[in-house]
Amino acid sequence: MTEADLESHRNDVAAELRADVREGLTAAQKWLPPKWFYDAEGSELFEKITVLPEYYPTRSEREVLAARAVEIAELTGAHTLVELGSGSSEKTRLLLNALTAHGTLESFVPMDVSETALAEAASAISADYPKLEVRGVVGDFTRHLQLLPGTAPRVVAFLGGTIGNFLPAERTEFLRSVREVLDEGEWLLLGTDLVKDREILERAYDDAAGVTAAFNRNVLRVINAELGADFDPDAFEHVSYWDPGHEWIEMRLRARRRLEVHIPGADLVVSFAEGEHIRTEVSAKFRPSGVEAELAAAGFEVTRWWTDSQQRFGVSLARSVRA
């Protein structure tokens, strides 16, 4: 990617943040997309979340990948591993190790909206896999999938249950957009958190140490840094709860008092009543039949379905099929 390309993507990302802030914070029910949690600090906080005793998804998914990475490499014979949402975590390395050992992998393509998080991840992977071509892409995977390089066959890895952050219509559109950039026979590796006991779910999103609360408030720090806003993150309380009707967890920020926030980079002044909420995330939980149906509707055939030993988290390997 040239410096001109990188600058263009930076501009796109900045414009999208402005647009999201304007749309979300002027809505009757205020909202912000969860992708803006992830600057360098947000990524570091999320890494801390993944090792909390209450937060099972990362451990559960890692268990599956540790057991199945070699099988994934053998089934796909991938030349390129694409990761949506950059990471240098153990889960990524399980796949990289299996694919490089299999002898087919040529390149790793991490994609992330945060340039700093992406640079750190790409640098760490490059250092540890010197023979692997690492081609980071700064972009939003809901808009910039057409930028993804790499030699077929490719495996697109979308892990961590992040697919649950989309509302149902958004999820349909996203899965179809992934299928559109893949050739017939290429692969999607998808991690999906499963429906389970309410208490387990709610503890996972409201840990005793308060790390998730700090992560939730980090979206306000991102807006401060990028758009010159004057949010006081401590003026907002972290709230999370299970919505059984939609089968998802919601995270919100609740204003502790009346506030007026100036956001010059978005040409916006936003007022908050005491107790008013900003919805910052939904995290849908899935049932296996639903995952298979949604993938089929998008043009994928599930080839393998795996869960961890406690059946808390599902990983599917799906192949793109003829439209």
Protein backbone atom coordinates (compact mmCIF):
# COMPACT_ATOMS: atom_id res chain seq x y z
CA MET A 1 0.00 0.00 0.00
CA THR A 2 1.44 3.37 -0.98
CA GLU A 3 1.57 6.36 1.36
CA ALA A 4 -1.03 8.02 -0.87
CA ASP A 5 -3.32 5.00 -0.48
CA LEU A 6 -2.76 5.00 3.27
CA GLU A 7 -3.59 8.68 3.52
CA SER A 8 -6.75 8.12 1.48
CA HIS A 9 -7.85 5.35 3.86
CA ARG A 10 -7.05 7.55 6.87
CA ASN A 11 -9.28 10.24 5.40
CA ASP A 12 -12.04 7.71 4.76
CA VAL A 13 -11.87 6.47 8.35
CA ALA A 14 -11.91 10.01 9.77
CA ALA A 15 -14.88 10.93 7.60
CA GLU A 16 -16.73 7.81 8.70
CA LEU A 17 -16.12 8.59 12.38
CA ARG A 18 -17.55 12.08 11.86
CA ALA A 19 -20.57 10.66 10.07
CA ASP A 20 -21.20 8.04 12.75
CA VAL A 21 -20.91 10.59 15.55
CA ARG A 22 -23.30 12.99 13.81
CA GLU A 23 -25.84 10.29 13.05
CA GLY A 24 -25.59 8.36 16.30
CA LEU A 25 -25.48 11.24 18.77
CA THR A 26 -28.34 13.15 17.15
CA ALA A 27 -30.67 10.11 17.10
CA ALA A 28 -33.64 9.96 19.49
CA GLN A 29 -31.92 6.97 21.13
CA LYS A 30 -28.23 7.86 20.99
CA TRP A 31 -25.78 5.22 19.74
CA LEU A 32 -22.19 4.77 18.64
CA PRO A 33 -20.76 1.84 16.66
CA PRO A 34 -18.48 -0.50 18.65
CA LYS A 35 -15.70 -0.36 16.04
CA TRP A 36 -14.62 2.99 17.53
CA PHE A 37 -13.57 1.31 20.80
CA TYR A 38 -10.40 0.17 19.13
CA ASP A 39 -7.62 2.71 19.13
CA ALA A 40 -4.31 1.54 20.67
CA GLU A 41 -5.64 1.98 24.22
CA GLY A 42 -8.92 0.28 23.38
CA SER A 43 -7.11 -2.67 21.85
CA GLU A 44 -4.94 -2.98 24.96
CA LEU A 45 -8.01 -2.89 27.19
CA PHE A 46 -9.69 -5.56 25.11
CA GLU A 47 -6.62 -7.79 25.42
CA LYS A 48 -6.99 -7.42 29.21
CA ILE A 49 -10.67 -8.36 28.94
CA THR A 50 -9.81 -11.58 27.12
CA VAL A 51 -7.92 -12.95 30.13
CA LEU A 52 -10.50 -11.99 32.78
CA PRO A 53 -12.02 -14.95 34.63
CA GLU A 54 -15.55 -13.84 33.67
CA TYR A 55 -14.78 -13.52 29.95
CA TYR A 56 -15.03 -17.02 28.48
CA PRO A 57 -15.28 -16.32 24.67
CA THR A 58 -11.56 -15.94 23.97
CA ARG A 59 -10.60 -19.05 25.93
CA SER A 60 -13.41 -21.06 24.37
CA GLU A 61 -12.57 -20.01 20.81
CA ARG A 62 -8.85 -20.57 21.41
CA GLU A 63 -9.62 -24.11 22.60
CA VAL A 64 -11.39 -24.82 19.30
CA LEU A 65 -8.64 -23.32 17.16
CA ALA A 66 -5.88 -25.12 19.05
CA ALA A 67 -7.65 -28.40 18.34
CA ARG A 68 -8.63 -27.64 14.74
CA ALA A 69 -5.98 -25.35 13.21
CA VAL A 70 -4.17 -28.19 11.48
CA GLU A 71 -7.46 -29.45 10.05
CA ILE A 72 -8.27 -25.92 8.83
CA ALA A 73 -4.91 -25.75 7.08
CA GLU A 74 -5.39 -29.15 5.45
CA LEU A 75 -8.95 -28.39 4.30
CA THR A 76 -8.24 -24.95 2.88
CA GLY A 77 -4.66 -25.11 1.64
CA ALA A 78 -4.77 -21.34 1.99
CA HIS A 79 -2.19 -19.10 0.32
CA THR A 80 -3.52 -16.03 2.13
CA LEU A 81 -4.94 -15.57 5.62
CA VAL A 82 -7.06 -12.43 5.93
CA GLU A 83 -7.96 -11.31 9.44
CA LEU A 84 -10.77 -8.78 9.86
CA GLY A 85 -9.90 -6.81 12.96
CA SER A 86 -6.13 -6.94 13.29
CA GLY A 87 -4.57 -9.05 16.01
CA SER A 88 -1.26 -10.51 17.07
CA SER A 89 -3.00 -12.75 19.59
CA GLU A 90 -2.41 -16.42 20.23
CA LYS A 91 -5.50 -17.31 18.20
CA THR A 92 -4.06 -15.67 15.07
CA ARG A 93 -0.75 -17.42 15.63
CA LEU A 94 -2.42 -20.81 15.95
CA LEU A 95 -3.70 -20.37 12.41
CA LEU A 96 -0.44 -18.91 11.11
CA ASN A 97 1.56 -21.76 12.63
CA ALA A 98 -0.69 -24.43 11.12
CA LEU A 99 -0.83 -22.82 7.68
CA THR A 100 2.92 -22.17 7.48
CA ALA A 101 3.65 -25.72 8.65
CA HIS A 102 1.30 -26.99 5.96
CA GLY A 103 3.50 -25.18 3.45
CA THR A 104 0.89 -23.22 1.51
CA LEU A 105 0.70 -19.85 3.27
CA GLU A 106 2.31 -16.94 1.43
CA SER A 107 0.77 -13.84 3.01
CA PHE A 108 -1.10 -12.52 6.02
CA VAL A 109 -3.49 -9.59 5.53
CA PRO A 110 -4.75 -7.97 8.75
CA MET A 111 -7.42 -5.29 8.32
CA ASP A 112 -8.36 -2.77 11.00
CA VAL A 113 -9.95 0.64 11.31
CA SER A 114 -7.25 1.69 13.81
CA GLU A 115 -3.95 2.47 12.10
CA THR A 116 -2.03 2.27 15.38
CA ALA A 117 -3.49 -1.10 16.36
CA LEU A 118 -2.88 -2.40 12.86
CA ALA A 119 0.74 -1.22 12.80
CA GLU A 120 1.47 -2.89 16.14
CA ALA A 121 -0.13 -6.17 15.06
CA ALA A 122 1.56 -6.24 11.64
CA SER A 123 4.95 -5.41 13.16
CA ALA A 124 4.67 -8.20 15.73
CA ILE A 125 3.67 -10.76 13.13
CA SER A 126 6.40 -9.65 10.70
CA ALA A 127 9.02 -10.03 13.41
CA ASP A 128 7.90 -13.53 14.35
CA TYR A 129 7.20 -14.79 10.81
CA PRO A 130 10.02 -13.23 8.73
CA LYS A 131 9.33 -15.35 5.65
CA LEU A 132 5.66 -14.33 5.53
CA GLU A 133 4.50 -11.34 3.52
CA VAL A 134 2.43 -9.15 5.86
CA ARG A 135 0.20 -6.59 4.14
CA GLY A 136 -1.82 -4.51 6.57
CA VAL A 137 -4.93 -2.71 5.30
CA VAL A 138 -6.28 0.34 7.15
CA GLY A 139 -10.01 0.27 6.61
CA ASP A 140 -13.46 -0.57 7.85
CA PHE A 141 -14.43 -4.14 7.05
CA THR A 142 -18.02 -3.03 6.55
CA ARG A 143 -16.95 -0.76 3.65
CA HIS A 144 -13.47 -1.58 2.36
CA LEU A 145 -13.38 -5.33 1.75
CA GLN A 146 -12.65 -4.73 -1.92
CA LEU A 147 -9.20 -3.48 -0.85
CA LEU A 148 -8.14 -6.92 0.40
CA PRO A 149 -5.15 -8.28 -1.51
CA GLY A 150 -3.79 -11.81 -1.55
CA THR A 151 -3.43 -14.91 -3.68
CA ALA A 152 -6.25 -17.44 -3.81
CA PRO A 153 -7.24 -19.57 -2.10
CA ARG A 154 -7.86 -17.18 0.77
CA VAL A 155 -9.28 -17.78 4.23
CA VAL A 156 -11.04 -14.77 5.72
CA ALA A 157 -10.98 -15.11 9.52
CA PHE A 158 -13.61 -13.17 11.43
CA LEU A 159 -13.16 -14.32 14.99
CA GLY A 160 -14.00 -13.40 18.56
CA GLY A 161 -17.76 -13.33 18.04
CA THR A 162 -17.47 -9.87 16.43
CA ILE A 163 -20.16 -10.87 13.93
CA GLY A 164 -22.57 -10.47 16.85
CA ASN A 165 -21.92 -6.71 16.94
CA PHE A 166 -24.02 -6.30 13.80
CA LEU A 167 -27.78 -5.91 13.90
CA PRO A 168 -29.51 -8.67 11.90
CA ALA A 169 -29.92 -6.65 8.68
CA GLU A 170 -26.34 -5.39 8.95
CA ARG A 171 -25.14 -8.96 9.48
CA THR A 172 -26.90 -10.11 6.32
CA GLU A 173 -25.33 -7.30 4.32
CA PHE A 174 -21.89 -7.92 5.78
CA LEU A 175 -21.86 -11.67 5.06
CA ARG A 176 -22.97 -11.02 1.50
CA SER A 177 -20.22 -8.43 1.06
CA VAL A 178 -17.63 -10.98 2.22
CA ARG A 179 -18.97 -13.50 -0.28
CA GLU A 180 -18.79 -10.90 -3.07
CA VAL A 181 -15.04 -10.39 -2.65
CA LEU A 182 -14.27 -14.12 -2.55
CA ASP A 183 -13.95 -16.43 -5.51
CA GLU A 184 -15.95 -19.64 -5.55
CA GLY A 185 -14.23 -22.16 -3.29
CA GLU A 186 -12.56 -19.63 -0.98
CA TRP A 187 -13.22 -19.72 2.74
CA LEU A 188 -14.73 -17.89 5.71
CA LEU A 189 -13.70 -18.91 9.23
CA LEU A 190 -16.31 -17.47 11.59
CA GLY A 191 -16.42 -17.34 15.38
CA THR A 192 -19.87 -17.10 16.97
CA ASP A 193 -20.73 -16.88 20.66
CA LEU A 194 -23.62 -19.18 21.55
CA VAL A 195 -26.81 -18.63 23.55
CA LYS A 196 -26.32 -19.76 27.15
CA ASP A 197 -27.19 -19.02 30.76
CA ARG A 198 -27.99 -15.35 31.35
CA GLU A 199 -25.76 -15.06 34.43
CA ILE A 200 -22.71 -16.28 32.53
CA LEU A 201 -23.36 -13.79 29.74
CA GLU A 202 -23.95 -10.78 31.98
CA ARG A 203 -20.83 -11.44 34.07
CA ALA A 204 -18.75 -11.61 30.90
CA TYR A 205 -19.72 -8.03 29.99
CA ASP A 206 -19.56 -6.47 33.47
CA ASP A 207 -16.43 -7.81 35.15
CA ALA A 208 -15.65 -7.19 38.80
CA ALA A 209 -12.36 -5.39 38.00
CA GLY A 210 -14.09 -2.77 35.83
CA VAL A 211 -11.99 -3.41 32.73
CA THR A 212 -15.04 -3.70 30.48
CA ALA A 213 -16.36 -0.43 31.88
CA ALA A 214 -13.08 1.31 30.96
CA PHE A 215 -13.21 -0.29 27.50
CA ASN A 216 -16.77 0.94 27.00
CA ARG A 217 -15.86 4.50 27.98
CA ASN A 218 -12.85 4.44 25.65
CA VAL A 219 -15.13 5.23 22.72
CA LEU A 220 -15.54 8.70 24.25
CA ARG A 221 -11.77 9.11 24.51
CA VAL A 222 -11.45 8.21 20.83
CA ILE A 223 -13.93 10.94 19.90
CA ASN A 224 -12.06 13.39 22.12
CA ALA A 225 -8.75 12.54 20.43
CA GLU A 226 -9.97 12.39 16.85
CA LEU A 227 -12.65 15.10 16.80
CA GLY A 228 -11.51 17.44 19.57
CA ALA A 229 -14.53 16.67 21.76
CA ASP A 230 -14.71 17.46 25.48
CA PHE A 231 -16.40 14.30 26.78
CA ASP A 232 -15.67 13.54 30.42
CA PRO A 233 -15.64 9.72 30.30
CA ASP A 234 -16.04 9.49 34.07
CA ALA A 235 -19.38 11.29 33.74
CA PHE A 236 -20.78 8.12 32.12
CA GLU A 237 -21.60 4.84 33.85
CA HIS A 238 -21.10 1.46 32.16
CA VAL A 239 -24.34 -0.54 31.78
CA SER A 240 -24.79 -4.00 30.27
CA TYR A 241 -27.70 -6.44 30.23
CA TRP A 242 -29.09 -9.48 28.44
CA ASP A 243 -32.03 -8.89 26.08
CA PRO A 244 -33.78 -12.29 25.81
CA GLY A 245 -36.11 -11.17 23.04
CA HIS A 246 -33.25 -10.35 20.68
CA GLU A 247 -30.84 -12.86 22.26
CA TRP A 248 -28.09 -10.31 22.60
CA ILE A 249 -26.13 -8.42 25.23
CA GLU A 250 -26.40 -4.63 25.10
CA MET A 251 -23.71 -2.30 26.39
CA ARG A 252 -24.57 1.31 27.08
CA LEU A 253 -23.08 4.42 28.64
CA ARG A 254 -25.42 6.25 31.03
CA ALA A 255 -24.93 9.94 31.83
CA ARG A 256 -24.50 10.46 35.57
CA ARG A 257 -25.67 14.10 35.29
CA ARG A 258 -26.88 16.67 32.79
CA LEU A 259 -24.15 17.37 30.26
CA GLU A 260 -23.38 19.46 27.21
CA VAL A 261 -20.59 18.07 25.02
CA HIS A 262 -18.83 20.00 22.27
CA ILE A 263 -17.52 18.03 19.29
CA PRO A 264 -15.88 20.59 16.98
CA GLY A 265 -14.55 17.98 14.55
CA ALA A 266 -18.14 16.99 13.81
CA ASP A 267 -19.50 20.54 14.09
CA LEU A 268 -21.82 19.33 16.84
CA VAL A 269 -22.97 20.17 20.36
CA VAL A 270 -24.77 17.33 22.15
CA SER A 271 -26.89 17.60 25.29
CA PHE A 272 -27.48 14.71 27.68
CA ALA A 273 -30.16 14.45 30.34
CA GLU A 274 -29.23 12.77 33.60
CA GLY A 275 -29.67 9.04 33.08
CA GLU A 276 -29.70 9.26 29.28
CA HIS A 277 -28.03 6.35 27.47
CA ILE A 278 -25.71 5.90 24.51
CA ARG A 279 -25.91 2.37 23.12
CA THR A 280 -22.34 1.39 22.26
CA GLU A 281 -22.65 -2.29 21.45
CA VAL A 282 -24.94 -5.19 20.87
CA SER A 283 -23.39 -8.64 21.06
CA ALA A 284 -25.74 -11.20 19.58
CA LYS A 285 -25.52 -14.82 20.66
CA PHE A 286 -26.26 -17.58 18.19
CA ARG A 287 -27.70 -21.03 17.74
CA PRO A 288 -25.95 -23.45 15.32
CA SER A 289 -28.95 -23.75 12.99
CA GLY A 290 -29.17 -19.96 12.75
CA VAL A 291 -25.49 -19.59 11.85
CA GLU A 292 -25.81 -22.19 9.09
CA ALA A 293 -28.95 -20.53 7.70
CA GLU A 294 -27.40 -17.05 7.65
CA LEU A 295 -24.25 -18.31 5.93
CA ALA A 296 -26.27 -20.24 3.36
CA ALA A 297 -28.33 -17.13 2.56
CA ALA A 298 -25.09 -15.24 1.93
CA GLY A 299 -23.65 -17.86 -0.43
CA PHE A 300 -21.61 -20.08 1.90
CA GLU A 301 -21.80 -23.77 2.68
CA VAL A 302 -20.73 -24.79 6.19
CA THR A 303 -18.10 -27.49 5.81
CA ARG A 304 -17.17 -27.87 9.47
CA TRP A 305 -18.81 -26.81 12.75
CA TRP A 306 -16.87 -27.05 15.98
CA THR A 307 -17.50 -26.03 19.60
CA ASP A 308 -15.40 -25.97 22.74
CA SER A 309 -15.76 -28.65 25.40
CA GLN A 310 -18.43 -26.66 27.27
CA GLN A 311 -20.32 -25.79 24.07
CA ARG A 312 -20.18 -22.10 24.78
CA PHE A 313 -18.65 -20.92 21.51
CA GLY A 314 -18.95 -22.06 17.89
CA VAL A 315 -16.43 -21.88 15.05
CA SER A 316 -17.58 -22.60 11.51
CA LEU A 317 -15.53 -23.11 8.38
CA ALA A 318 -17.65 -22.23 5.37
CA ARG A 319 -16.82 -22.42 1.66
CA SER A 320 -18.11 -19.93 -0.86
CA VAL A 321 -20.37 -21.60 -3.39
CA ARG A 322 -21.70 -20.70 -6.81
CA ALA A 323 -24.31 -17.95 -6.65
